[in-house]
């Protein structure tokens, strides 16, 4: 991923849901879906193939377990995602904790678990042209 251009943009925003496609190079398969729950926020990862069909591993993520802050929210893998990961043979992913972080200049996405830390930061001070839609949208 590091050798390719990475772009995120907010493609839809309502009072209950924000959809954020994440493109890596020409791959437009990923969308982060942030929504409200009765007790906090939920982050799900939607993965689609170029024809718009869902990937076998899609709609995984988790809910916040505490209040977090206006700048940072963390989402440990939920039971549904853990079950999906195990069925797919992705046992290392059951301990995933994702985070979204933002301020006036940066939007960041993180994934951490034992022996893995991935973070990408997007510079919000340098707008770009709206990219093409995520696959399936």
Protein backbone atom coordinates (compact mmCIF):
# COMPACT_ATOMS: atom_id res chain seq x y z
CA UNK A 1 0.00 0.00 0.00
CA UNK A 2 2.73 2.46 0.94
CA UNK A 3 3.97 2.70 -2.65
CA UNK A 4 0.53 3.71 -3.97
CA UNK A 5 -1.53 6.86 -3.74
CA UNK A 6 -4.07 6.66 -0.91
CA UNK A 7 -7.18 8.83 -1.03
CA UNK A 8 -10.15 9.14 1.31
CA UNK A 9 -13.22 11.29 0.91
CA UNK A 10 -16.60 11.62 2.55
CA UNK A 11 -19.07 10.44 -0.08
CA UNK A 12 -22.24 10.55 2.01
CA UNK A 13 -23.15 12.10 5.34
CA UNK A 14 -26.49 11.92 7.12
CA UNK A 15 -27.53 12.38 10.73
CA UNK A 16 -26.92 8.65 11.36
CA UNK A 17 -24.19 7.56 8.93
CA UNK A 18 -20.99 8.75 7.26
CA UNK A 19 -19.54 6.82 4.31
CA UNK A 20 -15.82 7.29 3.63
CA UNK A 21 -14.38 5.50 0.58
CA UNK A 22 -10.67 4.69 0.89
CA UNK A 23 -8.92 4.20 -2.46
CA UNK A 24 -5.46 2.65 -2.79
CA UNK A 25 -4.09 3.30 -6.25
CA UNK A 26 -6.79 2.16 -8.70
CA UNK A 27 -8.38 -0.12 -6.10
CA UNK A 28 -11.71 1.40 -5.01
CA UNK A 29 -12.89 -1.65 -3.01
CA UNK A 30 -12.91 -0.14 0.50
CA UNK A 31 -15.44 2.07 2.29
CA UNK A 32 -15.43 2.92 5.98
CA UNK A 33 -18.96 3.25 7.31
CA UNK A 34 -19.36 5.20 10.56
CA UNK A 35 -22.78 5.12 12.22
CA UNK A 36 -24.50 5.94 15.49
CA UNK A 37 -25.51 3.26 17.99
CA UNK A 38 -27.61 3.63 21.12
CA UNK A 39 -24.44 3.92 23.20
CA UNK A 40 -21.79 5.36 20.87
CA UNK A 41 -20.40 4.83 17.40
CA UNK A 42 -19.87 1.87 15.06
CA UNK A 43 -17.19 1.49 12.40
CA UNK A 44 -17.70 -1.10 9.67
CA UNK A 45 -15.47 -1.90 6.71
CA UNK A 46 -17.29 -2.54 3.47
CA UNK A 47 -15.25 -4.38 0.84
CA UNK A 48 -16.56 -4.84 -2.69
CA UNK A 49 -15.24 -6.32 -5.89
CA UNK A 50 -14.98 -4.23 -9.04
CA UNK A 51 -18.36 -5.60 -10.20
CA UNK A 52 -19.94 -4.19 -7.00
CA UNK A 53 -20.49 -7.53 -5.27
CA UNK A 54 -19.49 -7.92 -1.62
CA UNK A 55 -16.16 -9.49 -0.80
CA UNK A 56 -16.33 -12.67 1.33
CA UNK A 57 -14.81 -10.65 4.18
CA UNK A 58 -16.86 -7.46 4.39
CA UNK A 59 -18.92 -5.46 6.88
CA UNK A 60 -16.53 -6.17 9.74
CA UNK A 61 -15.62 -3.75 12.49
CA UNK A 62 -16.82 -2.84 15.95
CA UNK A 63 -18.42 -0.40 18.35
CA UNK A 64 -16.82 2.11 20.67
CA UNK A 65 -16.56 0.81 24.23
CA UNK A 66 -16.09 4.15 25.91
CA UNK A 67 -16.81 7.80 25.22
CA UNK A 68 -13.54 8.44 23.42
CA UNK A 69 -13.05 12.08 22.49
CA UNK A 70 -14.09 14.53 19.82
CA UNK A 71 -10.71 13.89 18.18
CA UNK A 72 -10.31 10.10 18.53
CA UNK A 73 -12.54 7.03 18.67
CA UNK A 74 -11.45 3.37 18.97
CA UNK A 75 -13.39 0.34 17.74
CA UNK A 76 -12.43 -3.17 18.94
CA UNK A 77 -13.56 -6.07 16.75
CA UNK A 78 -17.13 -7.10 17.57
CA UNK A 79 -18.39 -10.69 17.97
CA UNK A 80 -19.81 -10.81 14.42
CA UNK A 81 -16.46 -9.74 12.97
CA UNK A 82 -14.50 -12.16 15.14
CA UNK A 83 -16.70 -15.01 13.90
CA UNK A 84 -16.22 -13.92 10.27
CA UNK A 85 -12.45 -13.69 10.71
CA UNK A 86 -12.26 -17.17 12.24
CA UNK A 87 -14.38 -18.69 9.46
CA UNK A 88 -12.08 -17.04 6.89
CA UNK A 89 -8.92 -18.29 8.62
CA UNK A 90 -7.93 -14.76 9.66
CA UNK A 91 -7.33 -15.60 13.32
CA UNK A 92 -4.84 -12.76 13.86
CA UNK A 93 -7.60 -10.26 13.02
CA UNK A 94 -9.81 -11.22 15.99
CA UNK A 95 -7.78 -8.82 18.17
CA UNK A 96 -8.12 -5.88 15.77
CA UNK A 97 -8.72 -2.43 17.19
CA UNK A 98 -9.41 0.27 14.63
CA UNK A 99 -9.30 3.99 15.34
CA UNK A 100 -10.37 7.16 13.58
CA UNK A 101 -8.74 10.41 14.55
CA UNK A 102 -9.26 13.91 13.24
CA UNK A 103 -8.50 17.55 13.85
CA UNK A 104 -8.50 20.65 11.64
CA UNK A 105 -5.58 19.43 9.53
CA UNK A 106 -5.47 15.60 9.59
CA UNK A 107 -7.83 12.64 9.26
CA UNK A 108 -6.18 9.38 10.40
CA UNK A 109 -7.20 5.73 10.20
CA UNK A 110 -5.48 3.11 12.35
CA UNK A 111 -5.44 -0.64 12.72
CA UNK A 112 -3.55 -2.22 15.59
CA UNK A 113 -3.14 -5.67 17.04
CA UNK A 114 -0.22 -7.72 18.33
CA UNK A 115 2.73 -7.41 15.94
CA UNK A 116 0.83 -5.08 13.59
CA UNK A 117 0.31 -1.35 13.48
CA UNK A 118 -1.01 0.42 10.39
CA UNK A 119 -1.77 4.13 10.32
CA UNK A 120 -2.48 6.38 7.39
CA UNK A 121 -2.86 10.14 7.73
CA UNK A 122 -4.60 12.35 5.21
CA UNK A 123 -3.73 16.04 4.96
CA UNK A 124 -7.03 17.95 5.15
CA UNK A 125 -5.33 21.24 4.28
CA UNK A 126 -4.75 20.09 0.68
CA UNK A 127 -8.11 19.37 -0.97
CA UNK A 128 -8.16 17.25 -4.12
CA UNK A 129 -10.70 16.71 -6.87
CA UNK A 130 -13.46 14.30 -5.90
CA UNK A 131 -12.29 10.80 -6.85
CA UNK A 132 -14.49 8.27 -8.67
CA UNK A 133 -17.02 6.43 -6.48
CA UNK A 134 -16.15 3.30 -4.56
CA UNK A 135 -16.95 0.07 -6.39
CA UNK A 136 -20.64 -0.76 -6.11
CA UNK A 137 -21.74 2.84 -5.46
